[in-house]
Amino acid sequence: MHAWFEFGFSYAYKDSNSVWLKRYPHWAGRKKDGSLLVKNGFYWWNSMNPEPQKFMKELVLEVVKKYDVDGVQGDDRLPAMPAEGGYDDFTKQLFAKEHNGELPPANPKEPGFLQWKANKLSAFGKELYTVVKNQRASCLVTWAPSPYPWSKEEYLQDWPQWLKGGYADYIFPQLYRYKIEGYEKVLKELNDSLPKEYKQKVFPGILTSLGDGAYQSTRELTDQMLQLNRKYGFNGEVFFYYETLNRLIGLLYQTIK
């Protein structure tokens, strides 16, 4: 059993008056106009601030200490932050300290600024991996980011660096597509960009349904996705999410060798 920390550094969904914001206003991420960092309805902390980082580490370690979990997993919100962020007081001061007094550029996706922010989150990912392993070496630390490079460009998840740095036991990129053509396109991009020595640690994430019932994968589509995974040399996959897996359980590995 793995504990999945899905919300990550997001503290609220479609709630601008969250109790978290009221209690820790200085944790909030900010856009360049000073407004709260919100994207697709999710409100975000500044993921580079050491205080929410400390909270997240304590939360993960509490689970590892108290429960016999096989692993812990960060989602596309851990470690992550919308690339539009980086303009809260803490981050502006940190950037200035490390750049001879210069303020962050006006463009939040300026390549140097984007990479700087991504590197900060990668450093936190390494730190979280280390504290979990120090607590219990057998506990897996896995991540389920978006496909790269979109993951870095939009949410600062430079996850190929996590593999290279040795702080990802497994990566489950969310290759969520509703049609086989789109799935093969993103799977091929993953295959072409992934060094062979890390391939055994990467297992594509397949979407089986949406929680609101608006989408459900068919047996035929799921079977085609599994076939493509084997074609491109991936020896396993992860299905999102559990509640709809029973509907497809008879399919799993019956025809895929």
Protein backbone atom coordinates (compact mmCIF):
# COMPACT_ATOMS: atom_id res chain seq x y z
CA MET A 1 0.00 0.00 0.00
CA HIS A 2 1.26 3.44 -0.93
CA ALA A 3 0.20 6.73 0.64
CA TRP A 4 -0.62 9.14 -2.16
CA PHE A 5 -0.14 12.83 -1.27
CA GLU A 6 -2.31 14.08 -4.09
CA PHE A 7 -2.94 17.67 -3.01
CA GLY A 8 0.74 18.37 -2.42
CA PHE A 9 1.55 22.07 -2.20
CA SER A 10 -1.96 23.10 -3.16
CA TYR A 11 -3.92 24.21 -0.11
CA ALA A 12 -7.44 24.74 -1.51
CA TYR A 13 -9.66 24.15 -4.52
CA LYS A 14 -12.01 26.94 -5.64
CA ASP A 15 -11.87 28.46 -2.16
CA SER A 16 -10.27 31.89 -1.91
CA ASN A 17 -11.16 32.06 1.81
CA SER A 18 -9.46 28.84 2.83
CA VAL A 19 -8.68 28.37 6.51
CA TRP A 20 -5.09 27.65 5.44
CA LEU A 21 -4.79 31.09 3.84
CA LYS A 22 -6.25 32.77 6.91
CA ARG A 23 -3.85 30.97 9.23
CA TYR A 24 -0.70 31.13 7.08
CA PRO A 25 -1.07 34.08 4.68
CA HIS A 26 2.71 34.36 4.30
CA TRP A 27 2.81 30.85 2.85
CA ALA A 28 0.72 31.81 -0.16
CA GLY A 29 2.24 31.83 -3.62
CA ARG A 30 1.91 35.01 -5.64
CA LYS A 31 1.79 35.93 -9.31
CA LYS A 32 3.70 38.89 -10.74
CA ASP A 33 0.72 41.23 -10.12
CA GLY A 34 0.71 40.23 -6.45
CA SER A 35 -2.47 38.18 -6.70
CA LEU A 36 -2.82 34.75 -5.15
CA LEU A 37 -1.25 31.90 -7.09
CA VAL A 38 -4.21 29.99 -8.50
CA LYS A 39 -4.33 27.71 -11.55
CA ASN A 40 -7.20 25.55 -12.79
CA GLY A 41 -9.08 26.28 -9.58
CA PHE A 42 -6.27 25.17 -7.25
CA TYR A 43 -4.73 27.66 -4.81
CA TRP A 44 -1.05 27.15 -4.11
CA TRP A 45 1.45 27.78 -1.39
CA ASN A 46 4.86 29.05 -2.34
CA SER A 47 6.48 25.64 -2.68
CA MET A 48 9.95 27.12 -2.16
CA ASN A 49 9.11 28.54 1.26
CA PRO A 50 10.79 26.45 3.99
CA GLU A 51 7.73 26.61 6.25
CA PRO A 52 5.24 24.75 4.01
CA GLN A 53 8.13 22.49 3.04
CA LYS A 54 8.64 21.64 6.70
CA PHE A 55 4.93 20.98 7.11
CA MET A 56 4.92 18.65 4.11
CA LYS A 57 7.95 16.72 5.36
CA GLU A 58 6.37 16.31 8.79
CA LEU A 59 3.11 15.12 7.24
CA VAL A 60 4.85 12.51 5.09
CA LEU A 61 7.08 11.33 7.93
CA GLU A 62 4.09 10.97 10.24
CA VAL A 63 2.56 8.52 7.80
CA VAL A 64 5.82 6.59 7.36
CA LYS A 65 6.30 6.34 11.14
CA LYS A 66 2.75 5.42 12.12
CA TYR A 67 1.64 3.19 9.29
CA ASP A 68 3.12 0.15 7.59
CA VAL A 69 3.00 1.65 4.11
CA ASP A 70 5.13 0.23 1.32
CA GLY A 71 5.74 3.67 -0.11
CA VAL A 72 4.78 7.32 -0.36
CA GLN A 73 3.98 9.12 -3.59
CA GLY A 74 3.99 12.73 -4.70
CA ASP A 75 1.54 13.75 -7.40
CA ASP A 76 1.63 16.44 -10.09
CA ARG A 77 1.40 18.85 -7.13
CA LEU A 78 4.32 17.45 -5.09
CA PRO A 79 6.91 18.73 -5.52
CA ALA A 80 5.37 21.30 -7.83
CA MET A 81 4.16 24.86 -8.23
CA PRO A 82 2.60 26.71 -11.16
CA ALA A 83 5.32 28.36 -13.21
CA GLU A 84 3.42 31.67 -12.91
CA GLY A 85 4.51 31.89 -9.27
CA GLY A 86 7.67 33.21 -7.72
CA TYR A 87 6.65 36.77 -6.84
CA ASP A 88 5.90 36.49 -3.13
CA ASP A 89 8.21 38.40 -0.79
CA PHE A 90 10.19 35.36 0.30
CA THR A 91 11.01 34.24 -3.23
CA LYS A 92 11.84 37.73 -4.47
CA GLN A 93 14.28 38.16 -1.59
CA LEU A 94 15.82 34.72 -2.17
CA PHE A 95 16.24 35.38 -5.89
CA ALA A 96 17.85 38.76 -5.20
CA LYS A 97 20.22 37.20 -2.68
CA GLU A 98 21.40 34.67 -5.27
CA HIS A 99 21.49 37.11 -8.22
CA ASN A 100 23.46 40.12 -7.00
CA GLY A 101 20.42 42.00 -5.84
CA GLU A 102 18.38 41.61 -9.03
CA LEU A 103 14.64 41.11 -8.80
CA PRO A 104 12.94 38.21 -10.62
CA PRO A 105 12.24 38.91 -14.30
CA ALA A 106 8.76 40.09 -15.27
CA ASN A 107 8.24 36.97 -17.38
CA PRO A 108 7.63 34.05 -14.98
CA LYS A 109 8.66 31.61 -17.71
CA GLU A 110 11.91 33.31 -18.61
CA PRO A 111 14.17 30.24 -19.09
CA GLY A 112 16.72 31.09 -16.42
CA PHE A 113 14.08 32.00 -13.85
CA LEU A 114 12.00 28.95 -14.71
CA GLN A 115 14.99 26.62 -14.26
CA TRP A 116 15.97 28.32 -11.02
CA LYS A 117 12.52 27.69 -9.58
CA ALA A 118 12.49 24.11 -10.88
CA ASN A 119 15.87 23.47 -9.28
CA LYS A 120 14.54 24.65 -5.91
CA LEU A 121 11.69 22.18 -6.09
CA SER A 122 14.02 19.40 -7.22
CA ALA A 123 16.16 20.11 -4.16
CA PHE A 124 13.10 19.74 -1.95
CA GLY A 125 12.21 16.45 -3.66
CA LYS A 126 15.69 15.17 -2.89
CA GLU A 127 15.38 16.31 0.72
CA LEU A 128 12.01 14.61 1.14
CA TYR A 129 13.36 11.41 -0.41
CA THR A 130 16.31 11.47 1.99
CA VAL A 131 14.29 11.98 5.17
CA VAL A 132 11.92 9.16 4.24
CA LYS A 133 14.80 6.79 3.54
CA ASN A 134 16.51 7.79 6.78
CA GLN A 135 13.32 6.92 8.63
CA ARG A 136 12.76 3.62 6.81
CA ALA A 137 15.04 2.60 3.98
CA SER A 138 12.58 0.06 2.59
CA CYS A 139 9.86 2.66 2.06
CA LEU A 140 9.59 3.52 -1.64
CA VAL A 141 9.45 7.15 -2.71
CA THR A 142 7.67 7.54 -6.02
CA TRP A 143 6.40 10.46 -8.08
CA ALA A 144 3.53 10.86 -10.56
CA PRO A 145 4.27 14.06 -12.50
CA SER A 146 2.87 15.32 -15.79
CA PRO A 147 4.68 14.42 -19.03
CA TYR A 148 8.00 16.15 -19.56
CA PRO A 149 8.80 18.90 -20.65
CA TRP A 150 5.26 20.22 -20.07
CA SER A 151 5.69 19.28 -16.42
CA LYS A 152 8.61 21.70 -16.05
CA GLU A 153 7.20 24.45 -18.23
CA GLU A 154 3.88 24.57 -16.38
CA TYR A 155 4.54 23.15 -12.89
CA LEU A 156 8.33 23.28 -12.41
CA GLN A 157 8.63 19.47 -12.27
CA ASP A 158 11.99 18.74 -13.87
CA TRP A 159 11.58 15.06 -13.11
CA PRO A 160 14.29 13.66 -15.41
CA GLN A 161 16.68 15.31 -12.96
CA TRP A 162 15.04 13.38 -10.13
CA LEU A 163 15.91 10.14 -11.88
CA LYS A 164 19.45 11.25 -12.63
CA GLY A 165 19.92 12.49 -9.08
CA GLY A 166 18.83 9.19 -7.58
CA TYR A 167 15.87 10.46 -5.56
CA ALA A 168 13.06 8.69 -7.40
CA ASP A 169 12.49 4.99 -6.84
CA TYR A 170 9.87 5.05 -9.59
CA ILE A 171 8.24 7.64 -11.83
CA PHE A 172 4.65 7.26 -13.03
CA PRO A 173 4.13 10.03 -15.61
CA GLN A 174 0.46 10.85 -16.08
CA LEU A 175 -0.06 10.05 -19.75
CA TYR A 176 -3.76 10.78 -19.52
CA ARG A 177 -5.23 10.66 -22.99
CA TYR A 178 -8.70 9.74 -24.20
CA LYS A 179 -7.79 8.46 -27.66
CA ILE A 180 -5.18 5.95 -28.74
CA GLU A 181 -3.52 8.36 -31.20
CA GLY A 182 -2.89 10.91 -28.48
CA TYR A 183 -1.66 8.24 -26.11
CA GLU A 184 0.85 6.85 -28.59
CA LYS A 185 2.12 10.34 -29.35
CA VAL A 186 2.87 11.17 -25.71
CA LEU A 187 4.19 7.65 -25.05
CA LYS A 188 6.60 7.90 -27.97
CA GLU A 189 7.77 11.31 -26.75
CA LEU A 190 8.42 9.77 -23.33
CA ASN A 191 10.30 6.86 -24.86
CA ASP A 192 12.43 9.07 -27.11
CA SER A 193 13.42 11.45 -24.30
CA LEU A 194 14.13 8.85 -21.63
CA PRO A 195 17.69 7.51 -21.25
CA LYS A 196 17.65 3.72 -21.44
CA GLU A 197 19.31 3.31 -18.06
CA TYR A 198 16.27 4.87 -16.34
CA LYS A 199 13.55 3.12 -18.28
CA GLN A 200 13.11 0.36 -15.71
CA LYS A 201 12.05 3.01 -13.20
CA VAL A 202 9.34 4.57 -15.35
CA PHE A 203 5.82 3.19 -15.70
CA PRO A 204 3.22 5.11 -17.72
CA GLY A 205 0.06 6.26 -15.97
CA ILE A 206 -3.16 5.32 -17.75
CA LEU A 207 -6.45 7.10 -17.04
CA THR A 208 -9.34 4.65 -16.61
CA SER A 209 -12.07 7.21 -15.86
CA LEU A 210 -12.93 10.62 -14.48
CA GLY A 211 -14.53 11.01 -11.09
CA ASP A 212 -17.56 12.84 -12.47
CA GLY A 213 -18.36 9.96 -14.81
CA ALA A 214 -17.75 12.05 -17.92
CA TYR A 215 -15.18 9.56 -19.20
CA GLN A 216 -14.61 5.83 -18.89
CA SER A 217 -12.00 3.89 -20.80
CA THR A 218 -13.17 0.85 -22.71
CA ARG A 219 -11.56 -2.59 -22.56
CA GLU A 220 -10.50 -2.15 -26.17
CA LEU A 221 -8.80 1.20 -25.58
CA THR A 222 -7.08 0.00 -22.43
CA ASP A 223 -5.87 -3.11 -24.23
CA GLN A 224 -4.43 -0.94 -27.04
CA MET A 225 -2.60 1.22 -24.49
CA LEU A 226 -1.09 -1.84 -22.84
CA GLN A 227 0.02 -3.16 -26.21
CA LEU A 228 1.71 0.17 -26.96
CA ASN A 229 3.46 0.16 -23.60
CA ARG A 230 5.03 -3.20 -24.46
CA LYS A 231 5.84 -2.09 -28.00
CA TYR A 232 7.87 0.81 -26.62
CA GLY A 233 9.59 -1.32 -23.99
CA PHE A 234 7.71 -0.34 -20.81
CA ASN A 235 7.19 -3.39 -18.63
CA GLY A 236 4.33 -2.11 -16.50
CA GLU A 237 1.85 0.70 -15.95
CA VAL A 238 -0.20 2.41 -13.28
CA PHE A 239 -3.98 2.78 -13.53
CA PHE A 240 -5.76 5.84 -12.24
CA TYR A 241 -7.85 5.33 -10.38
CA TYR A 242 -8.70 2.46 -8.00
CA GLU A 243 -12.49 2.82 -8.00
CA THR A 244 -12.77 2.01 -11.69
CA LEU A 245 -10.04 -0.63 -11.89
CA ASN A 246 -12.41 -3.50 -11.04
CA ARG A 247 -14.27 -2.79 -14.24
CA LEU A 248 -11.10 -3.54 -16.19
CA ILE A 249 -9.50 -6.15 -13.97
CA GLY A 250 -10.34 -9.04 -16.26
CA LEU A 251 -8.29 -7.40 -18.99
CA LEU A 252 -5.06 -6.95 -17.13
CA TYR A 253 -2.17 -8.91 -18.59
CA GLN A 254 -4.38 -11.52 -20.28
CA THR A 255 -3.06 -10.70 -23.71
CA ILE A 256 0.03 -8.65 -22.84
CA LYS A 257 3.26 -10.60 -22.47
